[in-house]
Amino acid sequence: MTEAPLVAERAHLASLLEAIQRCVFFLDASREKQRWPLSGETLSAHAKDVGLFESLSAINERFGKLQDTLGSAMRHAALLAGEEHNTFLRTLAFYEKVGVLDSITQWQLARATRNAAAHVYETDYTTIAEHFNALNALIPALYGNSLRFVAYCRETLGITPSPGDFEREFIDLTGQVAVGSDCEGGGSR
């Protein structure tokens, strides 16, 4: 019997872990371009600032990409760990139980907040600012989830990000969250 399928599955998870680290790196780079909190007045005054709105769009997309990639990796790791994962809610419940996620509700809030902007084309600058301020407030928890998930994969499955190009930056960015919040995903900028 060959171990090739297992090796391929482990390699796939390692590449997903690398993608998580890359997502954190680029989300943080976009986030750093803004002065928080945003206000409707500021957005209105810069209504034609292409760079500003491209940066905000990048935050929205990168937040979603990080959460999607983390979700995909969690499902994949649950499979490798032999955990029941026939629904994503069960996958979330497992990761909440082992301390990777702070709570299922927090995960769902992040998902709903991110999806609200994807499906509503808002023109009120105060509402737009509120959306991005809400995303910004949720980012530390998402970073904390990412840090704890990568640690879970390393400690439980012996799988690390491959090739590891973003490891140092990931630790710097998510480690700040962990230190400031005792690994509970709190804290803010």
N, C-alpha and C. Protein backbone atom coordinates (compact mmCIF):
# COMPACT_ATOMS: atom_id res chain seq x y z
N MET A 1 0.85 -1.18 0.00
CA MET A 1 0.00 0.00 0.00
C MET A 1 0.89 1.24 0.00
N THR A 2 0.56 2.18 -0.84
CA THR A 2 1.36 3.40 -0.97
C THR A 2 0.83 4.51 -0.07
N GLU A 3 1.73 5.35 0.40
CA GLU A 3 1.34 6.48 1.25
C GLU A 3 1.21 7.75 0.44
N ALA A 4 1.29 7.66 -0.88
CA ALA A 4 1.26 8.84 -1.75
C ALA A 4 0.02 9.72 -1.52
N PRO A 5 -1.18 9.16 -1.39
CA PRO A 5 -2.34 10.03 -1.16
C PRO A 5 -2.24 10.82 0.15
N LEU A 6 -1.75 10.19 1.21
CA LEU A 6 -1.59 10.88 2.48
C LEU A 6 -0.54 11.98 2.37
N VAL A 7 0.55 11.69 1.70
CA VAL A 7 1.60 12.68 1.49
C VAL A 7 1.04 13.87 0.72
N ALA A 8 0.23 13.61 -0.29
CA ALA A 8 -0.37 14.68 -1.08
C ALA A 8 -1.34 15.51 -0.23
N GLU A 9 -2.12 14.87 0.61
CA GLU A 9 -3.06 15.60 1.47
C GLU A 9 -2.32 16.48 2.48
N ARG A 10 -1.25 15.96 3.03
CA ARG A 10 -0.46 16.74 3.98
C ARG A 10 0.21 17.92 3.28
N ALA A 11 0.69 17.70 2.08
CA ALA A 11 1.31 18.79 1.30
C ALA A 11 0.28 19.86 0.96
N HIS A 12 -0.94 19.43 0.66
CA HIS A 12 -2.00 20.39 0.36
C HIS A 12 -2.29 21.26 1.59
N LEU A 13 -2.37 20.65 2.76
CA LEU A 13 -2.60 21.43 3.98
C LEU A 13 -1.43 22.38 4.23
N ALA A 14 -0.21 21.93 4.00
CA ALA A 14 0.95 22.80 4.19
C ALA A 14 0.87 24.02 3.28
N SER A 15 0.39 23.82 2.05
CA SER A 15 0.26 24.97 1.14
C SER A 15 -0.90 25.87 1.56
N LEU A 16 -1.96 25.30 2.13
CA LEU A 16 -3.05 26.14 2.66
C LEU A 16 -2.57 26.97 3.86
N LEU A 17 -1.72 26.39 4.69
CA LEU A 17 -1.16 27.13 5.82
C LEU A 17 -0.30 28.29 5.33
N GLU A 18 0.46 28.05 4.28
CA GLU A 18 1.25 29.12 3.67
C GLU A 18 0.32 30.20 3.12
N ALA A 19 -0.78 29.80 2.51
CA ALA A 19 -1.73 30.77 1.97
C ALA A 19 -2.35 31.61 3.09
N ILE A 20 -2.63 31.01 4.23
CA ILE A 20 -3.16 31.75 5.37
C ILE A 20 -2.15 32.81 5.79
N GLN A 21 -0.90 32.43 5.90
CA GLN A 21 0.13 33.38 6.31
C GLN A 21 0.27 34.51 5.29
N ARG A 22 0.21 34.16 4.03
CA ARG A 22 0.29 35.17 2.97
C ARG A 22 -0.90 36.12 3.03
N CYS A 23 -2.09 35.58 3.28
CA CYS A 23 -3.30 36.41 3.40
C CYS A 23 -3.18 37.40 4.55
N VAL A 24 -2.67 36.94 5.68
CA VAL A 24 -2.49 37.84 6.83
C VAL A 24 -1.51 38.95 6.46
N PHE A 25 -0.42 38.61 5.82
CA PHE A 25 0.59 39.59 5.44
C PHE A 25 -0.01 40.68 4.55
N PHE A 26 -0.74 40.28 3.52
CA PHE A 26 -1.27 41.27 2.58
C PHE A 26 -2.47 42.03 3.15
N LEU A 27 -3.29 41.37 3.96
CA LEU A 27 -4.39 42.09 4.62
C LEU A 27 -3.83 43.17 5.53
N ASP A 28 -2.81 42.83 6.28
CA ASP A 28 -2.23 43.81 7.18
C ASP A 28 -1.59 44.97 6.42
N ALA A 29 -0.98 44.69 5.28
CA ALA A 29 -0.39 45.76 4.47
C ALA A 29 -1.47 46.73 4.00
N SER A 30 -2.61 46.22 3.60
CA SER A 30 -3.71 47.10 3.18
C SER A 30 -4.29 47.85 4.37
N ARG A 31 -4.43 47.17 5.46
CA ARG A 31 -4.99 47.77 6.68
C ARG A 31 -4.12 48.92 7.17
N GLU A 32 -2.81 48.78 7.07
CA GLU A 32 -1.88 49.80 7.53
C GLU A 32 -1.96 51.09 6.71
N LYS A 33 -2.53 51.04 5.54
CA LYS A 33 -2.64 52.24 4.69
C LYS A 33 -3.73 53.20 5.17
N GLN A 34 -4.57 52.74 6.10
CA GLN A 34 -5.70 53.55 6.55
C GLN A 34 -5.45 54.13 7.92
N ARG A 35 -6.12 55.24 8.18
CA ARG A 35 -6.16 55.83 9.52
C ARG A 35 -7.50 55.42 10.12
N TRP A 36 -7.42 54.70 11.22
CA TRP A 36 -8.63 54.15 11.85
C TRP A 36 -8.98 54.96 13.08
N PRO A 37 -10.26 55.10 13.39
CA PRO A 37 -11.42 54.66 12.62
C PRO A 37 -11.70 55.59 11.44
N LEU A 38 -12.33 55.05 10.44
CA LEU A 38 -12.76 55.83 9.29
C LEU A 38 -14.02 56.60 9.65
N SER A 39 -14.24 57.70 8.97
CA SER A 39 -15.49 58.44 9.18
C SER A 39 -16.15 58.69 7.83
N GLY A 40 -17.45 58.83 7.89
CA GLY A 40 -18.20 59.15 6.68
C GLY A 40 -17.75 60.47 6.08
N GLU A 41 -17.42 61.42 6.93
CA GLU A 41 -16.96 62.73 6.45
C GLU A 41 -15.66 62.61 5.67
N THR A 42 -14.74 61.81 6.19
CA THR A 42 -13.46 61.62 5.50
C THR A 42 -13.67 60.95 4.15
N LEU A 43 -14.50 59.93 4.13
CA LEU A 43 -14.75 59.23 2.86
C LEU A 43 -15.45 60.15 1.87
N SER A 44 -16.39 60.93 2.35
CA SER A 44 -17.10 61.87 1.48
C SER A 44 -16.14 62.92 0.91
N ALA A 45 -15.26 63.43 1.76
CA ALA A 45 -14.30 64.45 1.32
C ALA A 45 -13.31 63.90 0.30
N HIS A 46 -13.10 62.59 0.31
CA HIS A 46 -12.17 61.94 -0.62
C HIS A 46 -12.91 61.00 -1.58
N ALA A 47 -14.11 61.39 -1.94
CA ALA A 47 -14.99 60.53 -2.73
C ALA A 47 -14.39 60.08 -4.07
N LYS A 48 -13.46 60.85 -4.61
CA LYS A 48 -12.86 60.50 -5.90
C LYS A 48 -11.41 60.04 -5.76
N ASP A 49 -11.01 59.70 -4.55
CA ASP A 49 -9.65 59.23 -4.29
C ASP A 49 -9.57 57.74 -4.62
N VAL A 50 -9.12 57.47 -5.82
CA VAL A 50 -9.07 56.10 -6.32
C VAL A 50 -8.20 55.22 -5.42
N GLY A 51 -7.07 55.73 -5.00
CA GLY A 51 -6.16 54.96 -4.14
C GLY A 51 -6.82 54.57 -2.83
N LEU A 52 -7.55 55.48 -2.22
CA LEU A 52 -8.24 55.20 -0.96
C LEU A 52 -9.26 54.08 -1.14
N PHE A 53 -10.09 54.20 -2.17
CA PHE A 53 -11.15 53.20 -2.35
C PHE A 53 -10.61 51.87 -2.89
N GLU A 54 -9.51 51.90 -3.62
CA GLU A 54 -8.87 50.64 -4.00
C GLU A 54 -8.32 49.93 -2.77
N SER A 55 -7.74 50.71 -1.86
CA SER A 55 -7.21 50.14 -0.63
C SER A 55 -8.32 49.53 0.22
N LEU A 56 -9.44 50.24 0.33
CA LEU A 56 -10.58 49.71 1.09
C LEU A 56 -11.13 48.45 0.44
N SER A 57 -11.19 48.46 -0.87
CA SER A 57 -11.66 47.27 -1.59
C SER A 57 -10.72 46.09 -1.33
N ALA A 58 -9.43 46.36 -1.28
CA ALA A 58 -8.45 45.30 -1.00
C ALA A 58 -8.66 44.74 0.40
N ILE A 59 -8.96 45.60 1.37
CA ILE A 59 -9.21 45.13 2.73
C ILE A 59 -10.40 44.18 2.73
N ASN A 60 -11.47 44.58 2.08
CA ASN A 60 -12.66 43.74 2.03
C ASN A 60 -12.36 42.39 1.39
N GLU A 61 -11.67 42.43 0.25
CA GLU A 61 -11.38 41.17 -0.44
C GLU A 61 -10.40 40.31 0.35
N ARG A 62 -9.38 40.92 0.91
CA ARG A 62 -8.36 40.14 1.63
C ARG A 62 -8.89 39.58 2.94
N PHE A 63 -9.79 40.30 3.59
CA PHE A 63 -10.45 39.77 4.78
C PHE A 63 -11.22 38.51 4.40
N GLY A 64 -12.01 38.60 3.31
CA GLY A 64 -12.78 37.45 2.85
C GLY A 64 -11.90 36.29 2.42
N LYS A 65 -10.83 36.61 1.74
CA LYS A 65 -9.93 35.55 1.27
C LYS A 65 -9.27 34.85 2.46
N LEU A 66 -8.87 35.61 3.48
CA LEU A 66 -8.28 34.99 4.66
C LEU A 66 -9.29 34.07 5.33
N GLN A 67 -10.51 34.55 5.52
CA GLN A 67 -11.50 33.71 6.19
C GLN A 67 -11.83 32.47 5.35
N ASP A 68 -11.96 32.64 4.04
CA ASP A 68 -12.24 31.49 3.17
C ASP A 68 -11.10 30.47 3.19
N THR A 69 -9.88 30.96 3.13
CA THR A 69 -8.73 30.06 3.13
C THR A 69 -8.61 29.34 4.46
N LEU A 70 -8.82 30.08 5.55
CA LEU A 70 -8.79 29.47 6.87
C LEU A 70 -9.88 28.40 6.99
N GLY A 71 -11.08 28.70 6.50
CA GLY A 71 -12.17 27.72 6.54
C GLY A 71 -11.84 26.46 5.75
N SER A 72 -11.28 26.65 4.57
CA SER A 72 -10.90 25.50 3.74
C SER A 72 -9.82 24.66 4.43
N ALA A 73 -8.85 25.34 5.02
CA ALA A 73 -7.77 24.63 5.71
C ALA A 73 -8.30 23.90 6.94
N MET A 74 -9.25 24.51 7.66
CA MET A 74 -9.82 23.84 8.83
C MET A 74 -10.55 22.57 8.43
N ARG A 75 -11.30 22.62 7.35
CA ARG A 75 -11.98 21.40 6.88
C ARG A 75 -10.95 20.33 6.52
N HIS A 76 -9.91 20.75 5.82
CA HIS A 76 -8.89 19.80 5.38
C HIS A 76 -8.15 19.18 6.57
N ALA A 77 -7.80 20.02 7.54
CA ALA A 77 -7.10 19.51 8.73
C ALA A 77 -8.00 18.57 9.54
N ALA A 78 -9.29 18.89 9.61
CA ALA A 78 -10.23 18.00 10.33
C ALA A 78 -10.25 16.62 9.67
N LEU A 79 -10.23 16.60 8.36
CA LEU A 79 -10.18 15.33 7.63
C LEU A 79 -8.91 14.56 8.01
N LEU A 80 -7.78 15.23 7.99
CA LEU A 80 -6.52 14.56 8.33
C LEU A 80 -6.47 14.13 9.78
N ALA A 81 -7.17 14.86 10.65
CA ALA A 81 -7.19 14.51 12.08
C ALA A 81 -8.21 13.43 12.39
N GLY A 82 -9.00 13.04 11.39
CA GLY A 82 -10.00 12.00 11.59
C GLY A 82 -11.22 12.51 12.34
N GLU A 83 -11.46 13.80 12.31
CA GLU A 83 -12.62 14.39 12.98
C GLU A 83 -13.82 14.40 12.06
N GLU A 84 -14.99 14.23 12.66
CA GLU A 84 -16.23 14.29 11.89
C GLU A 84 -16.41 15.72 11.38
N HIS A 85 -16.61 15.85 10.11
CA HIS A 85 -16.73 17.18 9.53
C HIS A 85 -17.72 17.20 8.37
N ASN A 86 -18.83 16.48 8.52
CA ASN A 86 -19.78 16.40 7.43
C ASN A 86 -20.52 17.73 7.20
N THR A 87 -20.50 18.63 8.17
CA THR A 87 -21.01 19.99 7.96
C THR A 87 -19.95 20.96 8.46
N PHE A 88 -19.95 22.15 7.90
CA PHE A 88 -18.95 23.12 8.34
C PHE A 88 -19.22 23.57 9.77
N LEU A 89 -20.47 23.56 10.17
CA LEU A 89 -20.80 23.92 11.54
C LEU A 89 -20.13 22.95 12.52
N ARG A 90 -20.10 21.67 12.18
CA ARG A 90 -19.40 20.69 13.04
C ARG A 90 -17.90 20.94 13.05
N THR A 91 -17.37 21.35 11.92
CA THR A 91 -15.95 21.69 11.85
C THR A 91 -15.67 22.88 12.76
N LEU A 92 -16.51 23.90 12.67
CA LEU A 92 -16.34 25.07 13.54
C LEU A 92 -16.45 24.68 15.01
N ALA A 93 -17.42 23.84 15.33
CA ALA A 93 -17.61 23.40 16.72
C ALA A 93 -16.37 22.66 17.24
N PHE A 94 -15.78 21.84 16.39
CA PHE A 94 -14.56 21.14 16.79
C PHE A 94 -13.45 22.14 17.11
N TYR A 95 -13.25 23.12 16.22
CA TYR A 95 -12.16 24.08 16.44
C TYR A 95 -12.45 25.03 17.60
N GLU A 96 -13.71 25.27 17.89
CA GLU A 96 -14.04 26.03 19.09
C GLU A 96 -13.69 25.21 20.33
N LYS A 97 -14.01 23.93 20.28
CA LYS A 97 -13.75 23.03 21.42
C LYS A 97 -12.26 22.92 21.73
N VAL A 98 -11.43 22.86 20.70
CA VAL A 98 -9.98 22.71 20.93
C VAL A 98 -9.27 24.05 21.11
N GLY A 99 -10.02 25.15 21.08
CA GLY A 99 -9.45 26.46 21.35
C GLY A 99 -8.85 27.21 20.18
N VAL A 100 -9.07 26.72 18.97
CA VAL A 100 -8.58 27.45 17.80
C VAL A 100 -9.47 28.67 17.56
N LEU A 101 -10.77 28.49 17.63
CA LEU A 101 -11.72 29.59 17.46
C LEU A 101 -12.18 30.07 18.82
N ASP A 102 -12.33 31.38 18.94
CA ASP A 102 -12.90 31.93 20.17
C ASP A 102 -14.34 31.48 20.31
N SER A 103 -15.10 31.59 19.21
CA SER A 103 -16.49 31.15 19.23
C SER A 103 -17.02 31.01 17.81
N ILE A 104 -17.98 30.15 17.65
CA ILE A 104 -18.66 30.00 16.36
C ILE A 104 -19.37 31.30 16.01
N THR A 105 -19.97 31.93 17.00
CA THR A 105 -20.70 33.18 16.77
C THR A 105 -19.78 34.25 16.20
N GLN A 106 -18.57 34.35 16.74
CA GLN A 106 -17.62 35.34 16.24
C GLN A 106 -17.26 35.04 14.79
N TRP A 107 -17.06 33.77 14.46
CA TRP A 107 -16.77 33.38 13.08
C TRP A 107 -17.92 33.79 12.17
N GLN A 108 -19.14 33.50 12.59
CA GLN A 108 -20.31 33.83 11.78
C GLN A 108 -20.49 35.34 11.64
N LEU A 109 -20.19 36.10 12.69
CA LEU A 109 -20.26 37.55 12.62
C LEU A 109 -19.28 38.08 11.59
N ALA A 110 -18.07 37.57 11.60
CA ALA A 110 -17.07 37.99 10.62
C ALA A 110 -17.56 37.68 9.20
N ARG A 111 -18.15 36.51 9.04
CA ARG A 111 -18.66 36.10 7.72
C ARG A 111 -19.79 37.02 7.26
N ALA A 112 -20.73 37.29 8.17
CA ALA A 112 -21.86 38.14 7.83
C ALA A 112 -21.42 39.57 7.53
N THR A 113 -20.48 40.07 8.30
CA THR A 113 -19.99 41.44 8.09
C THR A 113 -19.31 41.55 6.74
N ARG A 114 -18.48 40.61 6.43
CA ARG A 114 -17.78 40.62 5.14
C ARG A 114 -18.75 40.45 3.98
N ASN A 115 -19.75 39.56 4.12
CA ASN A 115 -20.71 39.33 3.06
C ASN A 115 -21.64 40.52 2.83
N ALA A 116 -21.90 41.29 3.86
CA ALA A 116 -22.79 42.45 3.72
C ALA A 116 -22.28 43.40 2.66
N ALA A 117 -20.99 43.64 2.62
CA ALA A 117 -20.43 44.56 1.64
C ALA A 117 -20.36 43.93 0.25
N ALA A 118 -20.26 42.64 0.20
CA ALA A 118 -20.15 41.96 -1.09
C ALA A 118 -21.46 41.99 -1.87
N HIS A 119 -22.57 42.15 -1.16
CA HIS A 119 -23.87 42.07 -1.82
C HIS A 119 -24.69 43.35 -1.77
N VAL A 120 -24.17 44.37 -1.10
CA VAL A 120 -24.87 45.64 -1.02
C VAL A 120 -23.96 46.72 -1.59
N TYR A 121 -24.48 47.50 -2.50
CA TYR A 121 -23.70 48.56 -3.12
C TYR A 121 -24.12 49.87 -2.50
N GLU A 122 -23.50 50.18 -1.39
CA GLU A 122 -23.86 51.33 -0.56
C GLU A 122 -23.23 52.60 -1.11
N THR A 123 -23.97 53.69 -1.01
CA THR A 123 -23.45 54.99 -1.43
C THR A 123 -23.37 55.98 -0.27
N ASP A 124 -23.90 55.62 0.88
CA ASP A 124 -23.83 56.48 2.06
C ASP A 124 -22.46 56.29 2.71
N TYR A 125 -21.68 57.36 2.75
CA TYR A 125 -20.31 57.25 3.24
C TYR A 125 -20.22 56.88 4.72
N THR A 126 -21.19 57.29 5.50
CA THR A 126 -21.18 56.89 6.92
C THR A 126 -21.37 55.39 7.05
N THR A 127 -22.26 54.81 6.26
CA THR A 127 -22.49 53.37 6.28
C THR A 127 -21.26 52.61 5.79
N ILE A 128 -20.63 53.15 4.76
CA ILE A 128 -19.40 52.53 4.24
C ILE A 128 -18.32 52.54 5.33
N ALA A 129 -18.16 53.68 5.99
CA ALA A 129 -17.16 53.79 7.06
C ALA A 129 -17.47 52.80 8.18
N GLU A 130 -18.74 52.68 8.55
CA GLU A 130 -19.12 51.74 9.61
C GLU A 130 -18.77 50.31 9.23
N HIS A 131 -18.99 49.96 7.97
CA HIS A 131 -18.64 48.61 7.51
C HIS A 131 -17.14 48.34 7.68
N PHE A 132 -16.32 49.27 7.20
CA PHE A 132 -14.88 49.04 7.28
C PHE A 132 -14.36 49.11 8.71
N ASN A 133 -14.96 49.94 9.53
CA ASN A 133 -14.58 49.96 10.94
C ASN A 133 -14.95 48.63 11.61
N ALA A 134 -16.08 48.06 11.21
CA ALA A 134 -16.47 46.75 11.76
C ALA A 134 -15.49 45.66 11.31
N LEU A 135 -15.10 45.68 10.02
CA LEU A 135 -14.11 44.71 9.56
C LEU A 135 -12.80 44.88 10.32
N ASN A 136 -12.37 46.12 10.46
CA ASN A 136 -11.12 46.39 11.16
C ASN A 136 -11.17 45.86 12.60
N ALA A 137 -12.30 46.02 13.24
CA ALA A 137 -12.45 45.52 14.61
C ALA A 137 -12.41 43.99 14.68
N LEU A 138 -12.81 43.32 13.59
CA LEU A 138 -12.84 41.85 13.56
C LEU A 138 -11.49 41.24 13.16
N ILE A 139 -10.62 42.02 12.57
CA ILE A 139 -9.35 41.49 12.07
C ILE A 139 -8.50 40.87 13.17
N PRO A 140 -8.34 41.49 14.34
CA PRO A 140 -7.51 40.84 15.36
C PRO A 140 -8.00 39.44 15.74
N ALA A 141 -9.30 39.25 15.81
CA ALA A 141 -9.83 37.91 16.12
C ALA A 141 -9.50 36.93 15.00
N LEU A 142 -9.60 37.38 13.75
CA LEU A 142 -9.28 36.51 12.62
C LEU A 142 -7.79 36.17 12.62
N TYR A 143 -6.94 37.13 12.96
CA TYR A 143 -5.51 36.85 13.09
C TYR A 143 -5.26 35.84 14.21
N GLY A 144 -5.94 36.03 15.33
CA GLY A 144 -5.79 35.09 16.45
C GLY A 144 -6.21 33.69 16.06
N ASN A 145 -7.33 33.57 15.36
CA ASN A 145 -7.78 32.26 14.87
C ASN A 145 -6.72 31.64 13.96
N SER A 146 -6.15 32.46 13.10
CA SER A 146 -5.13 31.97 12.16
C SER A 146 -3.89 31.48 12.91
N LEU A 147 -3.44 32.26 13.88
CA LEU A 147 -2.28 31.87 14.67
C LEU A 147 -2.52 30.55 15.40
N ARG A 148 -3.67 30.45 16.05
CA ARG A 148 -3.97 29.22 16.80
C ARG A 148 -4.16 28.02 15.87
N PHE A 149 -4.72 28.24 14.68
CA PHE A 149 -4.89 27.14 13.75
C PHE A 149 -3.55 26.63 13.23
N VAL A 150 -2.67 27.54 12.86
CA VAL A 150 -1.34 27.12 12.40
C VAL A 150 -0.62 26.35 13.51
N ALA A 151 -0.75 26.83 14.75
CA ALA A 151 -0.14 26.13 15.89
C ALA A 151 -0.77 24.75 16.07
N TYR A 152 -2.10 24.65 15.92
CA TYR A 152 -2.78 23.35 16.04
C TYR A 152 -2.22 22.37 15.00
N CYS A 153 -2.09 22.82 13.76
CA CYS A 153 -1.59 21.93 12.71
C CYS A 153 -0.16 21.49 13.00
N ARG A 154 0.65 22.41 13.50
CA ARG A 154 2.04 22.07 13.83
C ARG A 154 2.09 21.07 14.97
N GLU A 155 1.35 21.35 16.04
CA GLU A 155 1.42 20.52 17.24
C GLU A 155 0.68 19.20 17.13
N THR A 156 -0.48 19.20 16.47
CA THR A 156 -1.31 18.00 16.42
C THR A 156 -1.02 17.13 15.21
N LEU A 157 -0.80 17.77 14.06
CA LEU A 157 -0.62 17.01 12.83
C LEU A 157 0.82 16.98 12.34
N GLY A 158 1.67 17.80 12.95
CA GLY A 158 3.07 17.87 12.50
C GLY A 158 3.21 18.49 11.13
N ILE A 159 2.29 19.39 10.76
CA ILE A 159 2.31 20.01 9.44
C ILE A 159 2.55 21.51 9.62
N THR A 160 3.50 22.03 8.85
CA THR A 160 3.84 23.44 8.91
C THR A 160 3.66 24.08 7.53
N PRO A 161 3.55 25.40 7.49
CA PRO A 161 3.41 26.09 6.20
C PRO A 161 4.58 25.78 5.27
N SER A 162 4.25 25.57 4.02
CA SER A 162 5.29 25.29 3.04
C SER A 162 5.09 26.20 1.83
N PRO A 163 6.11 26.92 1.44
CA PRO A 163 7.51 26.80 1.82
C PRO A 163 7.91 27.61 3.05
N GLY A 164 7.05 28.39 3.62
CA GLY A 164 7.37 29.13 4.84
C GLY A 164 7.88 30.53 4.59
N ASP A 165 7.61 31.06 3.41
CA ASP A 165 8.12 32.38 3.04
C ASP A 165 7.56 33.53 3.89
N PHE A 166 6.39 33.33 4.51
CA PHE A 166 5.74 34.40 5.26
C PHE A 166 5.73 34.13 6.77
N GLU A 167 6.46 33.13 7.21
CA GLU A 167 6.43 32.69 8.61
C GLU A 167 6.82 33.80 9.58
N ARG A 168 7.93 34.47 9.33
CA ARG A 168 8.40 35.49 10.27
C ARG A 168 7.41 36.65 10.36
N GLU A 169 6.93 37.12 9.23
CA GLU A 169 5.96 38.22 9.24
C GLU A 169 4.65 37.80 9.89
N PHE A 170 4.23 36.57 9.64
CA PHE A 170 3.00 36.05 10.23
C PHE A 170 3.11 36.03 11.76
N ILE A 171 4.22 35.55 12.26
CA ILE A 171 4.43 35.52 13.71
C ILE A 171 4.47 36.95 14.26
N ASP A 172 5.16 37.84 13.57
CA ASP A 172 5.21 39.24 14.02
C ASP A 172 3.80 39.84 14.08
N LEU A 173 3.01 39.63 13.04
CA LEU A 173 1.67 40.24 12.97
C LEU A 173 0.69 39.58 13.92
N THR A 174 0.65 38.26 13.93
CA THR A 174 -0.32 37.57 14.78
C THR A 174 0.16 37.44 16.20
N GLY A 175 1.48 37.44 16.40
CA GLY A 175 2.03 37.39 17.75
C GLY A 175 1.68 38.63 18.54
N GLN A 176 1.59 39.78 17.84
CA GLN A 176 1.17 41.02 18.51
C GLN A 176 -0.25 40.86 19.01
N VAL A 177 -1.09 40.24 18.21
CA VAL A 177 -2.47 39.99 18.62
C VAL A 177 -2.48 39.07 19.83
N ALA A 178 -1.70 37.99 19.76
CA ALA A 178 -1.71 37.00 20.84
C ALA A 178 -1.18 37.60 22.14
N VAL A 179 -0.11 38.37 22.07
CA VAL A 179 0.46 38.97 23.27
C VAL A 179 -0.52 39.97 23.88
N GLY A 180 -1.15 40.77 23.01
CA GLY A 180 -2.06 41.77 23.50
C GLY A 180 -3.38 41.23 24.00
N SER A 181 -3.65 39.98 23.73
CA SER A 181 -4.96 39.44 24.08
C SER A 181 -4.89 38.09 24.75
N ASP A 182 -3.71 37.67 25.16
CA ASP A 182 -3.55 36.34 25.76
C ASP A 182 -4.07 35.25 24.83
N CYS A 183 -3.80 35.39 23.52
CA CYS A 183 -4.20 34.42 22.50
C CYS A 183 -5.69 34.26 22.39
N GLU A 184 -6.45 35.27 22.78
CA GLU A 184 -7.90 35.17 22.66
C GLU A 184 -8.44 35.95 21.47
N GLY A 185 -7.56 36.53 20.67
CA GLY A 185 -8.00 37.19 19.45
C GLY A 185 -8.54 38.58 19.68
N GLY A 186 -8.37 39.16 20.84
CA GLY A 186 -8.83 40.52 21.10
C GLY A 186 -7.78 41.52 20.71
N GLY A 187 -7.88 42.68 21.26
CA GLY A 187 -6.92 43.74 20.95
C GLY A 187 -7.34 44.50 19.74
N SER A 188 -6.73 45.64 19.54
CA SER A 188 -7.08 46.46 18.38
C SER A 188 -5.92 47.35 18.04
N ARG A 189 -6.06 48.00 16.92
CA ARG A 189 -5.05 48.96 16.47
C ARG A 189 -5.48 50.33 16.79
